[in-house]
Amino acid sequence: MKIEDFFGEKLTGKEKIILYSAVASIVIVVIGIIFSLIFGNWNILLNFILLAVFVSFVPFFIYRYIHYLELKDCEKNIPHFLNDLKEAKESGISFPDAIKSCKGNYGKLDKYVDKLKKDISWGVSIDYSIKHMGKNLSESRVLSRSLAILHETYRSGGNIEDILDTLIDSLLKIMETENYKKSLMQQHVFMMYGIFFLYIGLIIVLGNFLLPMITQMSSTETESIGFSVMKAVSPCAPETCNNNFCLALCGYYNLVGGIYGFGEPYSTDLYYKSLFFTMIVIQGFFTGLIAGQISAKSWLEGAKHGLIMSVLGFAVIVLTNLLGLF
């Protein structure tokens, strides 16, 4: 039985990804509950819930990013298609026949060109065929505008070859400018990665040198002239945490610290390590978003860099903590 039969209609690729991810996430949580009951450790369930969260959105992001790369490839190849169309039109054949004669290698654009040629062969009007192709590529401003100009060129008539030649030159200049800008911005992206890794290194150094000093101060109390001079206490200690916001935040820190072994509940070690861990994950994600906007002005590129930085920061802190370096 196919999944379309269950829902009574054909699902799109995006809908299938969302559905499969949701089912996989539920299965992972159920497995986590079973393992937690078997071993009597609910931290196992928390790790499985974290994995389920990643499974629920990472496949959809990968699907969207692959589609984004496909559109970029189509943008790169649209001038080749228009150039072949111009050359075919210069031979004196009609506009529909000129489209059908285009048989170049257009990369990811091939399937859209083939669909356009099939629509024309089946008697579908040029107006509808080009509009439909533009609708399928509407997420790219370069492609949608190029096809809109192509459509208006056919409708208005006149010297189509000259208009196509001008359009091709404009597209090539736009792409040349974007490639130049991307090459300039790439060094800034590398710089942001370097700053982020420097930030991680600073956090690890703080964990190695500052936390032992704070822990030592929290375990000893120096007396001078009958009163306490200095004693470090965890902000999450029961005597200092007495409002709802603090309780909720410290509950989160205890949860994270319990999963990754950052220390005893409500201890100074657990508080600061959980705080540093959270800072790195948040810093990595938003630094990646900025890097994506700088390099490509795309939220997908930003999300890609954000996920890479967050996962790297997450892995480095957990690994260094297991090795006793944090």
C-alpha atoms as a PDB file:
ATOM      1  CA  MET A   1       0.000   0.000   0.000  1.00  0.00           C
ATOM      2  CA  LYS A   2       1.439   3.368  -1.038  1.00  0.00           C
ATOM      3  CA  ILE A   3       1.312   6.348   1.261  1.00  0.00           C
ATOM      4  CA  GLU A   4      -0.734   8.247  -1.363  1.00  0.00           C
ATOM      5  CA  ASP A   5      -3.430   5.580  -1.088  1.00  0.00           C
ATOM      6  CA  PHE A   6      -3.668   6.187   2.660  1.00  0.00           C
ATOM      7  CA  PHE A   7      -4.185   9.936   2.251  1.00  0.00           C
ATOM      8  CA  GLY A   8      -6.361   9.613  -0.845  1.00  0.00           C
ATOM      9  CA  GLU A   9      -4.252  11.983  -2.924  1.00  0.00           C
ATOM     10  CA  LYS A  10      -0.774  12.267  -4.372  1.00  0.00           C
ATOM     11  CA  LEU A  11       1.682  13.972  -2.045  1.00  0.00           C
ATOM     12  CA  THR A  12       4.338  16.396  -3.252  1.00  0.00           C
ATOM     13  CA  GLY A  13       8.015  15.802  -2.516  1.00  0.00           C
ATOM     14  CA  LYS A  14       7.945  18.427   0.233  1.00  0.00           C
ATOM     15  CA  GLU A  15       4.893  16.864   1.879  1.00  0.00           C
ATOM     16  CA  LYS A  16       6.497  13.402   1.770  1.00  0.00           C
ATOM     17  CA  ILE A  17       9.653  14.702   3.455  1.00  0.00           C
ATOM     18  CA  ILE A  18       7.625  16.353   6.223  1.00  0.00           C
ATOM     19  CA  LEU A  19       5.500  13.229   6.753  1.00  0.00           C
ATOM     20  CA  TYR A  20       8.431  10.793   6.786  1.00  0.00           C
ATOM     21  CA  SER A  21      10.396  13.048   9.142  1.00  0.00           C
ATOM     22  CA  ALA A  22       7.443  13.262  11.551  1.00  0.00           C
ATOM     23  CA  VAL A  23       6.969   9.476  11.533  1.00  0.00           C
ATOM     24  CA  ALA A  24      10.710   8.888  12.040  1.00  0.00           C
ATOM     25  CA  SER A  25      10.760  11.368  14.956  1.00  0.00           C
ATOM     26  CA  ILE A  26       7.859   9.594  16.677  1.00  0.00           C
ATOM     27  CA  VAL A  27       9.559   6.220  16.222  1.00  0.00           C
ATOM     28  CA  ILE A  28      12.817   7.584  17.691  1.00  0.00           C
ATOM     29  CA  VAL A  29      10.991   8.952  20.764  1.00  0.00           C
ATOM     30  CA  VAL A  30       9.209   5.625  21.303  1.00  0.00           C
ATOM     31  CA  ILE A  31      12.528   3.773  21.070  1.00  0.00           C
ATOM     32  CA  GLY A  32      13.983   6.250  23.571  1.00  0.00           C
ATOM     33  CA  ILE A  33      11.138   5.549  26.019  1.00  0.00           C
ATOM     34  CA  ILE A  34      11.692   1.796  25.694  1.00  0.00           C
ATOM     35  CA  PHE A  35      15.468   2.075  26.311  1.00  0.00           C
ATOM     36  CA  SER A  36      14.894   4.447  29.246  1.00  0.00           C
ATOM     37  CA  LEU A  37      12.497   1.971  30.875  1.00  0.00           C
ATOM     38  CA  ILE A  38      14.890  -0.938  30.271  1.00  0.00           C
ATOM     39  CA  PHE A  39      17.969   0.804  31.723  1.00  0.00           C
ATOM     40  CA  GLY A  40      16.111   3.002  34.226  1.00  0.00           C
ATOM     41  CA  ASN A  41      17.842   6.158  32.973  1.00  0.00           C
ATOM     42  CA  TRP A  42      15.666   8.973  31.633  1.00  0.00           C
ATOM     43  CA  ASN A  43      18.702  10.813  30.264  1.00  0.00           C
ATOM     44  CA  ILE A  44      18.586   8.247  27.455  1.00  0.00           C
ATOM     45  CA  LEU A  45      15.118   9.519  26.504  1.00  0.00           C
ATOM     46  CA  LEU A  46      16.366  13.119  26.486  1.00  0.00           C
ATOM     47  CA  ASN A  47      19.135  12.190  24.044  1.00  0.00           C
ATOM     48  CA  PHE A  48      16.617  10.416  21.816  1.00  0.00           C
ATOM     49  CA  ILE A  49      14.323  13.481  21.951  1.00  0.00           C
ATOM     50  CA  LEU A  50      17.250  15.660  20.831  1.00  0.00           C
ATOM     51  CA  LEU A  51      17.894  13.240  17.960  1.00  0.00           C
ATOM     52  CA  ALA A  52      14.182  13.314  17.063  1.00  0.00           C
ATOM     53  CA  VAL A  53      14.248  17.115  16.885  1.00  0.00           C
ATOM     54  CA  PHE A  54      17.125  16.975  14.394  1.00  0.00           C
ATOM     55  CA  VAL A  55      15.395  14.271  12.342  1.00  0.00           C
ATOM     56  CA  SER A  56      12.196  16.320  12.243  1.00  0.00           C
ATOM     57  CA  PHE A  57      13.708  19.340  10.477  1.00  0.00           C
ATOM     58  CA  VAL A  58      17.131  18.444   9.010  1.00  0.00           C
ATOM     59  CA  PRO A  59      15.732  16.290   6.114  1.00  0.00           C
ATOM     60  CA  PHE A  60      13.373  19.116   5.105  1.00  0.00           C
ATOM     61  CA  PHE A  61      16.248  21.593   5.215  1.00  0.00           C
ATOM     62  CA  ILE A  62      18.390  19.251   3.054  1.00  0.00           C
ATOM     63  CA  TYR A  63      15.488  18.911   0.594  1.00  0.00           C
ATOM     64  CA  ARG A  64      15.099  22.694   0.404  1.00  0.00           C
ATOM     65  CA  TYR A  65      18.837  23.222   0.047  1.00  0.00           C
ATOM     66  CA  ILE A  66      19.074  20.698  -2.813  1.00  0.00           C
ATOM     67  CA  HIS A  67      16.234  22.578  -4.544  1.00  0.00           C
ATOM     68  CA  TYR A  68      18.108  25.846  -3.935  1.00  0.00           C
ATOM     69  CA  LEU A  69      21.248  24.399  -5.582  1.00  0.00           C
ATOM     70  CA  GLU A  70      19.088  23.210  -8.488  1.00  0.00           C
ATOM     71  CA  LEU A  71      17.766  26.741  -9.021  1.00  0.00           C
ATOM     72  CA  LYS A  72      21.306  28.128  -8.929  1.00  0.00           C
ATOM     73  CA  ASP A  73      22.331  25.638 -11.609  1.00  0.00           C
ATOM     74  CA  CYS A  74      19.309  26.635 -13.696  1.00  0.00           C
ATOM     75  CA  GLU A  75      20.315  30.300 -13.367  1.00  0.00           C
ATOM     76  CA  LYS A  76      23.795  29.429 -14.608  1.00  0.00           C
ATOM     77  CA  ASN A  77      22.404  27.623 -17.675  1.00  0.00           C
ATOM     78  CA  ILE A  78      19.506  29.907 -18.668  1.00  0.00           C
ATOM     79  CA  PRO A  79      21.779  32.088 -20.899  1.00  0.00           C
ATOM     80  CA  HIS A  80      22.824  28.973 -22.872  1.00  0.00           C
ATOM     81  CA  PHE A  81      19.183  28.060 -23.477  1.00  0.00           C
ATOM     82  CA  LEU A  82      18.288  31.600 -24.550  1.00  0.00           C
ATOM     83  CA  ASN A  83      21.327  31.735 -26.820  1.00  0.00           C
ATOM     84  CA  ASP A  84      20.311  28.473 -28.551  1.00  0.00           C
ATOM     85  CA  LEU A  85      16.777  29.846 -28.856  1.00  0.00           C
ATOM     86  CA  LYS A  86      18.103  33.046 -30.447  1.00  0.00           C
ATOM     87  CA  GLU A  87      20.254  31.138 -32.942  1.00  0.00           C
ATOM     88  CA  ALA A  88      17.341  28.868 -33.859  1.00  0.00           C
ATOM     89  CA  LYS A  89      15.077  31.898 -34.366  1.00  0.00           C
ATOM     90  CA  GLU A  90      17.691  33.565 -36.574  1.00  0.00           C
ATOM     91  CA  SER A  91      17.405  30.597 -38.958  1.00  0.00           C
ATOM     92  CA  GLY A  92      13.881  31.789 -39.805  1.00  0.00           C
ATOM     93  CA  ILE A  93      11.719  29.148 -38.072  1.00  0.00           C
ATOM     94  CA  SER A  94       8.734  29.979 -35.876  1.00  0.00           C
ATOM     95  CA  PHE A  95       9.064  30.635 -32.136  1.00  0.00           C
ATOM     96  CA  PRO A  96       7.514  27.267 -31.065  1.00  0.00           C
ATOM     97  CA  ASP A  97       9.747  25.373 -33.500  1.00  0.00           C
ATOM     98  CA  ALA A  98      12.773  27.319 -32.255  1.00  0.00           C
ATOM     99  CA  ILE A  99      12.033  26.163 -28.685  1.00  0.00           C
ATOM    100  CA  LYS A 100      11.596  22.560 -29.813  1.00  0.00           C
ATOM    101  CA  SER A 101      14.917  22.690 -31.686  1.00  0.00           C
ATOM    102  CA  CYS A 102      16.892  23.593 -28.537  1.00  0.00           C
ATOM    103  CA  LYS A 103      18.753  20.405 -27.647  1.00  0.00           C
ATOM    104  CA  GLY A 104      21.764  21.652 -25.704  1.00  0.00           C
ATOM    105  CA  ASN A 105      22.996  20.441 -22.340  1.00  0.00           C
ATOM    106  CA  TYR A 106      21.438  22.824 -19.823  1.00  0.00           C
ATOM    107  CA  GLY A 107      22.209  20.968 -16.597  1.00  0.00           C
ATOM    108  CA  LYS A 108      19.346  21.033 -14.090  1.00  0.00           C
ATOM    109  CA  LEU A 109      17.400  23.270 -16.475  1.00  0.00           C
ATOM    110  CA  ASP A 110      17.044  20.355 -18.908  1.00  0.00           C
ATOM    111  CA  LYS A 111      13.953  18.897 -17.239  1.00  0.00           C
ATOM    112  CA  TYR A 112      12.147  22.259 -17.337  1.00  0.00           C
ATOM    113  CA  VAL A 113      13.086  22.811 -21.004  1.00  0.00           C
ATOM    114  CA  ASP A 114      11.991  19.271 -21.871  1.00  0.00           C
ATOM    115  CA  LYS A 115       8.645  19.882 -20.135  1.00  0.00           C
ATOM    116  CA  LEU A 116       8.270  23.137 -22.096  1.00  0.00           C
ATOM    117  CA  LYS A 117       8.953  21.339 -25.399  1.00  0.00           C
ATOM    118  CA  LYS A 118       6.517  18.512 -24.529  1.00  0.00           C
ATOM    119  CA  ASP A 119       3.764  21.008 -23.691  1.00  0.00           C
ATOM    120  CA  ILE A 120       4.277  22.719 -27.056  1.00  0.00           C
ATOM    121  CA  SER A 121       4.316  19.349 -28.895  1.00  0.00           C
ATOM    122  CA  TRP A 122       1.012  18.396 -27.239  1.00  0.00           C
ATOM    123  CA  GLY A 123      -0.624  21.573 -28.545  1.00  0.00           C
ATOM    124  CA  VAL A 124      -0.491  23.635 -25.345  1.00  0.00           C
ATOM    125  CA  SER A 125      -0.275  27.363 -26.080  1.00  0.00           C
ATOM    126  CA  ILE A 126       3.071  29.131 -25.821  1.00  0.00           C
ATOM    127  CA  ASP A 127       1.562  31.611 -23.347  1.00  0.00           C
ATOM    128  CA  TYR A 128       0.506  28.888 -20.922  1.00  0.00           C
ATOM    129  CA  SER A 129       3.673  26.794 -21.385  1.00  0.00           C
ATOM    130  CA  ILE A 130       6.093  29.636 -20.604  1.00  0.00           C
ATOM    131  CA  LYS A 131       3.935  30.846 -17.690  1.00  0.00           C
ATOM    132  CA  HIS A 132       3.871  27.318 -16.274  1.00  0.00           C
ATOM    133  CA  MET A 133       7.649  27.043 -16.579  1.00  0.00           C
ATOM    134  CA  GLY A 134       8.019  30.422 -14.859  1.00  0.00           C
ATOM    135  CA  LYS A 135       5.716  29.278 -12.057  1.00  0.00           C
ATOM    136  CA  ASN A 136       7.866  26.189 -11.445  1.00  0.00           C
ATOM    137  CA  LEU A 137      10.947  28.421 -11.241  1.00  0.00           C
ATOM    138  CA  SER A 138       9.299  31.318  -9.403  1.00  0.00           C
ATOM    139  CA  GLU A 139      11.568  30.984  -6.345  1.00  0.00           C
ATOM    140  CA  SER A 140      14.416  32.426  -8.422  1.00  0.00           C
ATOM    141  CA  ARG A 141      14.041  36.083  -9.340  1.00  0.00           C
ATOM    142  CA  VAL A 142      16.566  35.741 -12.178  1.00  0.00           C
ATOM    143  CA  LEU A 143      14.687  32.839 -13.788  1.00  0.00           C
ATOM    144  CA  SER A 144      11.181  34.183 -13.243  1.00  0.00           C
ATOM    145  CA  ARG A 145      12.069  37.606 -14.675  1.00  0.00           C
ATOM    146  CA  SER A 146      13.905  36.080 -17.635  1.00  0.00           C
ATOM    147  CA  LEU A 147      10.921  33.887 -18.506  1.00  0.00           C
ATOM    148  CA  ALA A 148       8.542  36.817 -18.022  1.00  0.00           C
ATOM    149  CA  ILE A 149      10.602  38.838 -20.518  1.00  0.00           C
ATOM    150  CA  LEU A 150      10.642  35.838 -22.873  1.00  0.00           C
ATOM    151  CA  HIS A 151       6.862  35.591 -22.608  1.00  0.00           C
ATOM    152  CA  GLU A 152       6.317  39.323 -23.251  1.00  0.00           C
ATOM    153  CA  THR A 153       8.791  39.180 -26.152  1.00  0.00           C
ATOM    154  CA  TYR A 154       6.730  36.462 -27.838  1.00  0.00           C
ATOM    155  CA  ARG A 155       3.443  38.288 -27.225  1.00  0.00           C
ATOM    156  CA  SER A 156       4.644  41.695 -28.420  1.00  0.00           C
ATOM    157  CA  GLY A 157       6.431  40.374 -31.506  1.00  0.00           C
ATOM    158  CA  GLY A 158       9.050  42.574 -33.173  1.00  0.00           C
ATOM    159  CA  ASN A 159      12.714  41.673 -33.444  1.00  0.00           C
ATOM    160  CA  ILE A 160      12.837  38.780 -30.976  1.00  0.00           C
ATOM    161  CA  GLU A 161      16.483  38.022 -31.730  1.00  0.00           C
ATOM    162  CA  ASP A 162      17.689  41.476 -30.619  1.00  0.00           C
ATOM    163  CA  ILE A 163      15.647  41.335 -27.417  1.00  0.00           C
ATOM    164  CA  LEU A 164      17.016  37.878 -26.601  1.00  0.00           C
ATOM    165  CA  ASP A 165      20.553  39.101 -27.288  1.00  0.00           C
ATOM    166  CA  THR A 166      20.073  42.018 -24.863  1.00  0.00           C
ATOM    167  CA  LEU A 167      18.554  39.694 -22.263  1.00  0.00           C
ATOM    168  CA  ILE A 168      21.484  37.259 -22.535  1.00  0.00           C
ATOM    169  CA  ASP A 169      24.024  40.084 -22.110  1.00  0.00           C
ATOM    170  CA  SER A 170      22.160  41.369 -19.045  1.00  0.00           C
ATOM    171  CA  LEU A 171      22.056  37.909 -17.464  1.00  0.00           C
ATOM    172  CA  LEU A 172      25.770  37.321 -18.081  1.00  0.00           C
ATOM    173  CA  LYS A 173      26.635  40.682 -16.502  1.00  0.00           C
ATOM    174  CA  ILE A 174      24.440  39.952 -13.482  1.00  0.00           C
ATOM    175  CA  MET A 175      26.067  36.551 -12.991  1.00  0.00           C
ATOM    176  CA  GLU A 176      29.551  37.990 -13.417  1.00  0.00           C
ATOM    177  CA  THR A 177      28.784  40.616 -10.766  1.00  0.00           C
ATOM    178  CA  GLU A 178      27.345  38.028  -8.363  1.00  0.00           C
ATOM    179  CA  ASN A 179      30.349  35.719  -8.788  1.00  0.00           C
ATOM    180  CA  TYR A 180      32.728  38.616  -8.156  1.00  0.00           C
ATOM    181  CA  LYS A 181      30.790  39.635  -5.060  1.00  0.00           C
ATOM    182  CA  LYS A 182      30.722  36.047  -3.800  1.00  0.00           C
ATOM    183  CA  SER A 183      34.479  35.692  -4.203  1.00  0.00           C
ATOM    184  CA  LEU A 184      34.983  38.915  -2.212  1.00  0.00           C
ATOM    185  CA  MET A 185      32.575  37.883   0.543  1.00  0.00           C
ATOM    186  CA  GLN A 186      34.003  34.377   0.842  1.00  0.00           C
ATOM    187  CA  GLN A 187      36.980  35.634   2.819  1.00  0.00           C
ATOM    188  CA  HIS A 188      34.615  37.241   5.321  1.00  0.00           C
ATOM    189  CA  VAL A 189      32.812  33.908   5.734  1.00  0.00           C
ATOM    190  CA  PHE A 190      36.137  32.176   6.473  1.00  0.00           C
ATOM    191  CA  MET A 191      36.933  34.953   8.922  1.00  0.00           C
ATOM    192  CA  MET A 192      33.646  34.362  10.759  1.00  0.00           C
ATOM    193  CA  TYR A 193      34.436  30.645  11.008  1.00  0.00           C
ATOM    194  CA  GLY A 194      37.849  31.537  12.409  1.00  0.00           C
ATOM    195  CA  ILE A 195      36.332  33.915  14.982  1.00  0.00           C
ATOM    196  CA  PHE A 196      33.827  31.253  16.015  1.00  0.00           C
ATOM    197  CA  PHE A 197      36.550  28.633  16.564  1.00  0.00           C
ATOM    198  CA  LEU A 198      38.539  31.222  18.499  1.00  0.00           C
ATOM    199  CA  TYR A 199      35.461  31.770  20.651  1.00  0.00           C
ATOM    200  CA  ILE A 200      35.189  28.023  21.286  1.00  0.00           C
ATOM    201  CA  GLY A 201      38.856  27.928  22.269  1.00  0.00           C
ATOM    202  CA  LEU A 202      38.328  30.799  24.699  1.00  0.00           C
ATOM    203  CA  ILE A 203      35.388  28.994  26.278  1.00  0.00           C
ATOM    204  CA  ILE A 204      37.462  25.806  26.692  1.00  0.00           C
ATOM    205  CA  VAL A 205      40.275  27.817  28.324  1.00  0.00           C
ATOM    206  CA  LEU A 206      37.757  29.372  30.718  1.00  0.00           C
ATOM    207  CA  GLY A 207      36.448  25.909  31.529  1.00  0.00           C
ATOM    208  CA  ASN A 208      39.974  24.689  32.281  1.00  0.00           C
ATOM    209  CA  PHE A 209      41.251  27.595  34.378  1.00  0.00           C
ATOM    210  CA  LEU A 210      38.338  29.676  35.637  1.00  0.00           C
ATOM    211  CA  LEU A 211      35.934  26.939  36.704  1.00  0.00           C
ATOM    212  CA  PRO A 212      38.428  25.124  38.972  1.00  0.00           C
ATOM    213  CA  MET A 213      39.103  28.431  40.759  1.00  0.00           C
ATOM    214  CA  ILE A 214      35.374  29.098  41.234  1.00  0.00           C
ATOM    215  CA  THR A 215      34.775  25.522  42.395  1.00  0.00           C
ATOM    216  CA  GLN A 216      37.615  25.809  44.906  1.00  0.00           C
ATOM    217  CA  MET A 217      36.199  29.066  46.242  1.00  0.00           C
ATOM    218  CA  SER A 218      32.740  27.512  46.559  1.00  0.00           C
ATOM    219  CA  SER A 219      34.100  24.614  48.599  1.00  0.00           C
ATOM    220  CA  THR A 220      36.155  26.738  51.026  1.00  0.00           C
ATOM    221  CA  GLU A 221      35.301  29.816  53.041  1.00  0.00           C
ATOM    222  CA  THR A 222      37.962  32.232  54.229  1.00  0.00           C
ATOM    223  CA  GLU A 223      37.382  33.920  57.570  1.00  0.00           C
ATOM    224  CA  SER A 224      38.871  37.308  58.361  1.00  0.00           C
ATOM    225  CA  ILE A 225      38.123  39.284  61.495  1.00  0.00           C
ATOM    226  CA  GLY A 226      35.061  37.193  62.230  1.00  0.00           C
ATOM    227  CA  PHE A 227      33.244  37.448  58.898  1.00  0.00           C
ATOM    228  CA  SER A 228      33.322  35.709  55.525  1.00  0.00           C
ATOM    229  CA  VAL A 229      35.644  37.319  52.976  1.00  0.00           C
ATOM    230  CA  MET A 230      34.705  35.351  49.849  1.00  0.00           C
ATOM    231  CA  LYS A 231      32.605  32.356  48.988  1.00  0.00           C
ATOM    232  CA  ALA A 232      31.494  31.461  45.438  1.00  0.00           C
ATOM    233  CA  VAL A 233      27.990  30.023  45.210  1.00  0.00           C
ATOM    234  CA  SER A 234      26.261  28.672  42.118  1.00  0.00           C
ATOM    235  CA  PRO A 235      23.529  31.030  40.867  1.00  0.00           C
ATOM    236  CA  CYS A 236      21.311  27.927  40.718  1.00  0.00           C
ATOM    237  CA  ALA A 237      21.838  27.028  44.385  1.00  0.00           C
ATOM    238  CA  PRO A 238      18.530  26.822  46.319  1.00  0.00           C
ATOM    239  CA  GLU A 239      19.498  29.733  48.576  1.00  0.00           C
ATOM    240  CA  THR A 240      20.116  32.082  45.619  1.00  0.00           C
ATOM    241  CA  CYS A 241      17.536  30.936  43.046  1.00  0.00           C
ATOM    242  CA  ASN A 242      14.136  32.051  44.363  1.00  0.00           C
ATOM    243  CA  ASN A 243      12.041  33.260  41.388  1.00  0.00           C
ATOM    244  CA  ASN A 244      10.237  31.487  38.570  1.00  0.00           C
ATOM    245  CA  PHE A 245      12.573  32.664  35.798  1.00  0.00           C
ATOM    246  CA  CYS A 246      15.634  31.499  37.710  1.00  0.00           C
ATOM    247  CA  LEU A 247      14.009  28.160  38.518  1.00  0.00           C
ATOM    248  CA  ALA A 248      13.078  27.580  34.876  1.00  0.00           C
ATOM    249  CA  LEU A 249      16.564  28.548  33.625  1.00  0.00           C
ATOM    250  CA  CYS A 250      18.320  26.426  36.234  1.00  0.00           C
ATOM    251  CA  GLY A 251      15.993  23.530  35.423  1.00  0.00           C
ATOM    252  CA  TYR A 252      17.186  23.780  31.812  1.00  0.00           C
ATOM    253  CA  TYR A 253      20.830  23.896  32.934  1.00  0.00           C
ATOM    254  CA  ASN A 254      20.317  20.841  35.152  1.00  0.00           C
ATOM    255  CA  LEU A 255      18.710  19.032  32.224  1.00  0.00           C
ATOM    256  CA  VAL A 256      21.572  19.834  29.815  1.00  0.00           C
ATOM    257  CA  GLY A 257      24.209  19.129  32.460  1.00  0.00           C
ATOM    258  CA  GLY A 258      22.611  15.803  33.329  1.00  0.00           C
ATOM    259  CA  ILE A 259      22.574  14.687  29.692  1.00  0.00           C
ATOM    260  CA  TYR A 260      26.209  15.554  28.937  1.00  0.00           C
ATOM    261  CA  GLY A 261      27.752  15.030  32.380  1.00  0.00           C
ATOM    262  CA  PHE A 262      28.681  18.620  33.173  1.00  0.00           C
ATOM    263  CA  GLY A 263      28.496  18.099  36.946  1.00  0.00           C
ATOM    264  CA  GLU A 264      26.244  17.544  39.923  1.00  0.00           C
ATOM    265  CA  PRO A 265      22.799  19.194  39.956  1.00  0.00           C
ATOM    266  CA  TYR A 266      22.865  22.844  41.112  1.00  0.00           C
ATOM    267  CA  SER A 267      26.674  22.799  41.256  1.00  0.00           C
ATOM    268  CA  THR A 268      28.921  25.623  40.044  1.00  0.00           C
ATOM    269  CA  ASP A 269      30.515  23.385  37.397  1.00  0.00           C
ATOM    270  CA  LEU A 270      27.166  22.370  35.960  1.00  0.00           C
ATOM    271  CA  TYR A 271      25.880  25.951  35.867  1.00  0.00           C
ATOM    272  CA  TYR A 272      28.839  27.460  34.018  1.00  0.00           C
ATOM    273  CA  LYS A 273      29.442  24.526  31.674  1.00  0.00           C
ATOM    274  CA  SER A 274      25.771  24.440  30.680  1.00  0.00           C
ATOM    275  CA  LEU A 275      25.842  28.218  30.220  1.00  0.00           C
ATOM    276  CA  PHE A 276      28.962  28.064  28.013  1.00  0.00           C
ATOM    277  CA  PHE A 277      27.526  25.139  26.044  1.00  0.00           C
ATOM    278  CA  THR A 278      24.294  27.046  25.335  1.00  0.00           C
ATOM    279  CA  MET A 279      26.214  30.190  24.390  1.00  0.00           C
ATOM    280  CA  ILE A 280      28.299  28.288  21.833  1.00  0.00           C
ATOM    281  CA  VAL A 281      25.310  26.613  20.170  1.00  0.00           C
ATOM    282  CA  ILE A 282      23.370  29.913  19.937  1.00  0.00           C
ATOM    283  CA  GLN A 283      26.454  31.870  18.835  1.00  0.00           C
ATOM    284  CA  GLY A 284      27.230  29.283  16.150  1.00  0.00           C
ATOM    285  CA  PHE A 285      23.727  29.316  14.675  1.00  0.00           C
ATOM    286  CA  PHE A 286      23.361  33.094  14.445  1.00  0.00           C
ATOM    287  CA  THR A 287      26.942  33.599  13.244  1.00  0.00           C
ATOM    288  CA  GLY A 288      26.126  31.117  10.461  1.00  0.00           C
ATOM    289  CA  LEU A 289      22.963  33.033   9.548  1.00  0.00           C
ATOM    290  CA  ILE A 290      24.984  36.215   9.182  1.00  0.00           C
ATOM    291  CA  ALA A 291      27.651  34.393   7.141  1.00  0.00           C
ATOM    292  CA  GLY A 292      24.966  33.099   4.742  1.00  0.00           C
ATOM    293  CA  GLN A 293      23.455  36.557   4.311  1.00  0.00           C
ATOM    294  CA  ILE A 294      26.882  38.049   3.630  1.00  0.00           C
ATOM    295  CA  SER A 295      27.920  35.436   1.075  1.00  0.00           C
ATOM    296  CA  ALA A 296      24.673  34.741  -0.816  1.00  0.00           C
ATOM    297  CA  LYS A 297      21.818  36.785   0.732  1.00  0.00           C
ATOM    298  CA  SER A 298      19.949  33.544   1.266  1.00  0.00           C
ATOM    299  CA  TRP A 299      18.395  32.184   4.458  1.00  0.00           C
ATOM    300  CA  LEU A 300      19.139  28.663   3.212  1.00  0.00           C
ATOM    301  CA  GLU A 301      22.858  29.440   2.959  1.00  0.00           C
ATOM    302  CA  GLY A 302      22.628  31.047   6.395  1.00  0.00           C
ATOM    303  CA  ALA A 303      20.843  28.038   7.871  1.00  0.00           C
ATOM    304  CA  LYS A 304      23.486  25.766   6.320  1.00  0.00           C
ATOM    305  CA  HIS A 305      26.349  27.674   7.922  1.00  0.00           C
ATOM    306  CA  GLY A 306      24.370  27.988  11.170  1.00  0.00           C
ATOM    307  CA  LEU A 307      23.804  24.240  11.396  1.00  0.00           C
ATOM    308  CA  ILE A 308      27.454  23.521  10.584  1.00  0.00           C
ATOM    309  CA  MET A 309      28.726  25.901  13.268  1.00  0.00           C
ATOM    310  CA  SER A 310      26.200  24.765  15.888  1.00  0.00           C
ATOM    311  CA  VAL A 311      26.946  21.080  15.309  1.00  0.00           C
ATOM    312  CA  LEU A 312      30.717  21.706  15.357  1.00  0.00           C
ATOM    313  CA  GLY A 313      30.455  23.718  18.570  1.00  0.00           C
ATOM    314  CA  PHE A 314      28.193  21.086  20.115  1.00  0.00           C
ATOM    315  CA  ALA A 315      30.567  18.254  19.146  1.00  0.00           C
ATOM    316  CA  VAL A 316      33.720  20.054  20.333  1.00  0.00           C
ATOM    317  CA  ILE A 317      32.291  20.882  23.778  1.00  0.00           C
ATOM    318  CA  VAL A 318      30.823  17.410  24.364  1.00  0.00           C
ATOM    319  CA  LEU A 319      34.033  15.713  23.175  1.00  0.00           C
ATOM    320  CA  THR A 320      36.360  17.928  25.221  1.00  0.00           C
ATOM    321  CA  ASN A 321      34.163  17.404  28.285  1.00  0.00           C
ATOM    322  CA  LEU A 322      34.389  13.603  27.832  1.00  0.00           C
ATOM    323  CA  LEU A 323      38.185  13.909  27.522  1.00  0.00           C
ATOM    324  CA  GLY A 324      38.364  16.044  30.667  1.00  0.00           C
ATOM    325  CA  LEU A 325      39.564  19.131  28.778  1.00  0.00           C
ATOM    326  CA  PHE A 326      36.508  21.268  29.544  1.00  0.00           C
END
